């Protein structure tokens, strides 16, 4: 049974972090690696899309304790858990869809997203990535660590399955429901370049999870 995105994650808050760290191939390395790629200057401004409970931030704050983080997530329980862990940090947490939140112009030194954006199509991501690029300062960059489809056929299969499940359950609204529909790395890179990023490259891989860097 499909569940709305925020409801899905809040219902699994207990045990969420353990699952993320033990059930995903390479998670013991990619959260730390992702954090290591973010800027460390004092008072740097970071945007975290789909921040959840902040597993990447757990590893980033020891590297840059004065960072200012703007985190966006659909699950209020996840955001509460993040706030509880990092009460003494500069956190601005927004419970909403990152597709809907205004991000401003030239506000952030870098942006990051870990295991969140694999739920959306290229067409859905394009306006988000355009908005994200504008929100970065000159020289800013976006670090994306996520799960990707191996082939075009696999990518299409996931989309067909989501459509089938929504049809079977009589879901016709435009809300986001939890079902993994990852793009291929090639299509993700295309979306970033089409959104105006000057460069997008794969930095490292752990099975189906890859870390990409897109430069404003």
Protein backbone atom coordinates (compact mmCIF):
# COMPACT_ATOMS: atom_id res chain seq x y z
CA UNK A 1 0.00 0.00 0.00
CA UNK A 2 1.48 3.35 -1.03
CA UNK A 3 1.86 5.94 1.73
CA UNK A 4 2.33 9.69 1.46
CA UNK A 5 6.01 10.57 1.69
CA UNK A 6 6.07 12.36 5.03
CA UNK A 7 3.76 9.82 6.66
CA UNK A 8 5.91 6.94 5.42
CA UNK A 9 9.08 8.24 7.05
CA UNK A 10 7.53 9.41 10.31
CA UNK A 11 5.88 6.00 10.74
CA UNK A 12 9.36 4.48 10.60
CA UNK A 13 11.18 7.01 12.75
CA UNK A 14 12.05 4.39 15.37
CA UNK A 15 14.79 2.37 13.77
CA UNK A 16 15.18 4.71 10.79
CA UNK A 17 18.81 5.59 11.38
CA UNK A 18 19.82 1.99 12.04
CA UNK A 19 18.08 0.95 8.82
CA UNK A 20 19.78 3.66 6.78
CA UNK A 21 23.20 2.78 8.11
CA UNK A 22 22.95 -1.00 7.90
CA UNK A 23 20.55 -1.86 5.07
CA UNK A 24 22.05 0.29 2.31
CA UNK A 25 25.26 -0.89 0.70
CA UNK A 26 28.09 1.52 1.51
CA UNK A 27 26.16 3.70 3.97
CA UNK A 28 28.93 3.37 6.54
CA UNK A 29 31.13 5.26 4.07
CA UNK A 30 28.95 7.52 1.96
CA UNK A 31 27.48 9.65 4.76
CA UNK A 32 30.98 10.44 5.99
CA UNK A 33 32.28 11.01 2.47
CA UNK A 34 29.39 13.34 1.63
CA UNK A 35 30.03 15.40 4.76
CA UNK A 36 33.73 15.66 3.89
CA UNK A 37 32.90 17.36 0.59
CA UNK A 38 31.02 20.29 2.13
CA UNK A 39 32.78 23.62 2.81
CA UNK A 40 34.28 24.20 6.25
CA UNK A 41 34.67 27.99 6.43
CA UNK A 42 33.23 29.58 9.56
CA UNK A 43 29.51 30.38 9.33
CA UNK A 44 29.17 28.72 5.94
CA UNK A 45 25.58 28.44 4.66
CA UNK A 46 24.42 24.94 3.66
CA UNK A 47 21.08 23.82 2.23
CA UNK A 48 20.04 20.21 2.92
CA UNK A 49 17.23 18.86 0.72
CA UNK A 50 15.37 15.98 2.38
CA UNK A 51 17.51 16.26 5.49
CA UNK A 52 15.59 13.65 7.51
CA UNK A 53 17.24 13.09 10.88
CA UNK A 54 20.51 14.52 9.57
CA UNK A 55 22.80 11.51 9.26
CA UNK A 56 25.10 13.52 6.97
CA UNK A 57 24.95 16.46 9.39
CA UNK A 58 26.01 14.22 12.29
CA UNK A 59 29.27 13.79 10.41
CA UNK A 60 29.50 17.36 9.12
CA UNK A 61 29.13 19.33 12.35
CA UNK A 62 32.39 17.97 13.85
CA UNK A 63 34.13 19.30 10.70
CA UNK A 64 32.35 22.66 10.69
CA UNK A 65 30.56 23.35 13.99
CA UNK A 66 29.62 26.93 13.06
CA UNK A 67 27.85 26.00 9.81
CA UNK A 68 24.37 27.43 9.28
CA UNK A 69 22.07 24.68 7.98
CA UNK A 70 18.73 25.14 6.26
CA UNK A 71 17.06 21.73 6.19
CA UNK A 72 13.87 20.91 4.31
CA UNK A 73 11.87 17.73 4.81
CA UNK A 74 8.25 16.55 4.57
CA UNK A 75 8.35 14.53 7.82
CA UNK A 76 7.88 16.59 11.01
CA UNK A 77 9.01 13.73 13.23
CA UNK A 78 12.30 13.49 11.36
CA UNK A 79 12.90 17.21 11.80
CA UNK A 80 12.13 17.00 15.52
CA UNK A 81 14.68 14.21 15.89
CA UNK A 82 17.28 16.29 14.04
CA UNK A 83 16.62 19.32 16.24
CA UNK A 84 16.88 17.18 19.38
CA UNK A 85 20.28 15.82 18.33
CA UNK A 86 21.75 19.22 17.45
CA UNK A 87 20.15 21.72 19.83
CA UNK A 88 23.31 23.82 19.94
CA UNK A 89 23.72 24.18 16.18
CA UNK A 90 22.48 26.85 13.77
CA UNK A 91 19.55 24.99 12.24
CA UNK A 92 16.65 26.41 10.25
CA UNK A 93 14.26 23.52 9.65
CA UNK A 94 11.33 23.74 7.23
CA UNK A 95 8.59 21.11 7.14
CA UNK A 96 7.48 21.25 3.52
CA UNK A 97 8.21 19.93 0.04
CA UNK A 98 11.49 21.28 -1.28
CA UNK A 99 9.72 21.66 -4.62
CA UNK A 100 7.52 24.36 -3.05
CA UNK A 101 9.90 26.24 -0.74
CA UNK A 102 11.42 29.48 -2.14
CA UNK A 103 15.20 29.17 -1.90
CA UNK A 104 16.18 32.74 -2.78
CA UNK A 105 19.09 33.95 -4.86
CA UNK A 106 22.76 33.46 -4.03
CA UNK A 107 22.13 32.44 -0.40
CA UNK A 108 24.09 29.21 0.01
CA UNK A 109 27.73 28.19 -0.27
CA UNK A 110 26.71 24.59 -0.98
CA UNK A 111 23.72 22.28 -1.02
CA UNK A 112 23.45 18.60 -0.22
CA UNK A 113 20.92 15.80 -0.56
CA UNK A 114 21.35 12.19 0.56
CA UNK A 115 19.01 9.34 -0.38
CA UNK A 116 16.01 11.60 -1.03
CA UNK A 117 15.74 12.63 -4.68
CA UNK A 118 15.41 9.11 -6.10
CA UNK A 119 11.64 9.39 -5.73
CA UNK A 120 11.14 11.88 -8.58
CA UNK A 121 11.23 12.11 -12.37
CA UNK A 122 13.61 14.17 -14.44
CA UNK A 123 10.73 16.48 -15.38
CA UNK A 124 9.92 17.03 -11.70
CA UNK A 125 13.56 17.67 -10.81
CA UNK A 126 14.35 20.19 -13.55
CA UNK A 127 12.56 23.20 -12.00
CA UNK A 128 13.90 22.22 -8.57
CA UNK A 129 17.46 22.11 -9.90
CA UNK A 130 17.01 25.44 -11.67
CA UNK A 131 15.81 26.96 -8.39
CA UNK A 132 18.66 25.30 -6.52
CA UNK A 133 21.31 26.62 -8.91
CA UNK A 134 20.03 30.17 -8.48
CA UNK A 135 20.13 29.75 -4.69
CA UNK A 136 23.86 28.97 -4.74
CA UNK A 137 26.49 31.66 -4.55
CA UNK A 138 29.07 31.99 -7.36
CA UNK A 139 31.40 29.01 -7.03
CA UNK A 140 28.79 27.14 -4.99
CA UNK A 141 28.03 23.49 -5.61
CA UNK A 142 25.53 20.73 -4.96
CA UNK A 143 26.53 17.34 -3.53
CA UNK A 144 24.04 14.60 -4.37
CA UNK A 145 24.49 11.15 -2.83
CA UNK A 146 21.67 8.89 -3.94
CA UNK A 147 20.46 5.58 -5.28
CA UNK A 148 20.35 5.28 -9.09
CA UNK A 149 18.87 2.88 -11.62
CA UNK A 150 21.36 0.66 -13.43
CA UNK A 151 19.71 0.91 -16.85
CA UNK A 152 17.11 2.88 -18.79
CA UNK A 153 14.89 -0.20 -18.69
CA UNK A 154 15.05 -0.37 -14.91
CA UNK A 155 14.25 3.33 -14.66
CA UNK A 156 11.16 2.90 -16.85
CA UNK A 157 10.05 -0.17 -14.91
CA UNK A 158 10.01 1.71 -11.61
CA UNK A 159 7.87 4.48 -13.12
CA UNK A 160 5.42 1.97 -14.60
CA UNK A 161 5.13 0.20 -11.26
CA UNK A 162 4.36 3.45 -9.42
CA UNK A 163 1.68 4.33 -11.98
CA UNK A 164 0.19 0.84 -11.67
CA UNK A 165 0.08 0.98 -7.88
CA UNK A 166 -1.50 4.43 -7.85
CA UNK A 167 -4.12 3.28 -10.33
CA UNK A 168 -4.90 0.15 -8.30
CA UNK A 169 -5.30 2.21 -5.14
CA UNK A 170 -7.36 4.93 -6.84
CA UNK A 171 -4.77 7.64 -6.16
CA UNK A 172 -5.28 10.58 -8.49
CA UNK A 173 -3.96 13.54 -6.49
CA UNK A 174 -0.61 15.22 -7.03
CA UNK A 175 0.86 14.42 -3.62
CA UNK A 176 4.14 12.52 -3.39
CA UNK A 177 3.88 8.87 -2.39
CA UNK A 178 6.77 6.75 -1.24
CA UNK A 179 8.02 4.48 -3.99
CA UNK A 180 11.58 4.41 -5.31
CA UNK A 181 11.81 5.63 -8.90
CA UNK A 182 15.51 6.41 -9.40
CA UNK A 183 16.91 7.84 -12.60
CA UNK A 184 20.07 6.53 -14.19
CA UNK A 185 23.21 8.51 -13.43
CA UNK A 186 23.22 9.68 -17.05
CA UNK A 187 19.69 11.09 -16.81
CA UNK A 188 20.42 12.70 -13.43
CA UNK A 189 23.49 14.38 -14.87
CA UNK A 190 21.48 15.55 -17.88
CA UNK A 191 18.89 17.12 -15.57
CA UNK A 192 21.57 19.03 -13.67
CA UNK A 193 23.21 20.34 -16.84
CA UNK A 194 19.86 21.26 -18.40
CA UNK A 195 19.07 23.18 -15.20
CA UNK A 196 22.12 25.36 -15.86
CA UNK A 197 24.86 23.83 -13.71
CA UNK A 198 28.22 24.33 -15.40
CA UNK A 199 29.50 20.85 -14.57
CA UNK A 200 28.17 17.63 -13.07
CA UNK A 201 30.40 14.66 -12.31
CA UNK A 202 30.39 11.38 -10.41
CA UNK A 203 32.92 11.43 -7.59
CA UNK A 204 32.49 8.02 -5.99
CA UNK A 205 30.21 4.97 -5.95
CA UNK A 206 28.99 2.35 -3.50
CA UNK A 207 26.96 -0.26 -5.38
CA UNK A 208 23.85 1.50 -6.68
CA UNK A 209 24.60 4.64 -4.65
CA UNK A 210 26.70 7.36 -6.27
CA UNK A 211 27.96 10.75 -5.15
CA UNK A 212 27.67 13.52 -7.74
CA UNK A 213 28.94 17.10 -7.59
CA UNK A 214 27.24 19.79 -9.67
CA UNK A 215 28.93 23.20 -9.82
CA UNK A 216 26.96 26.39 -10.23
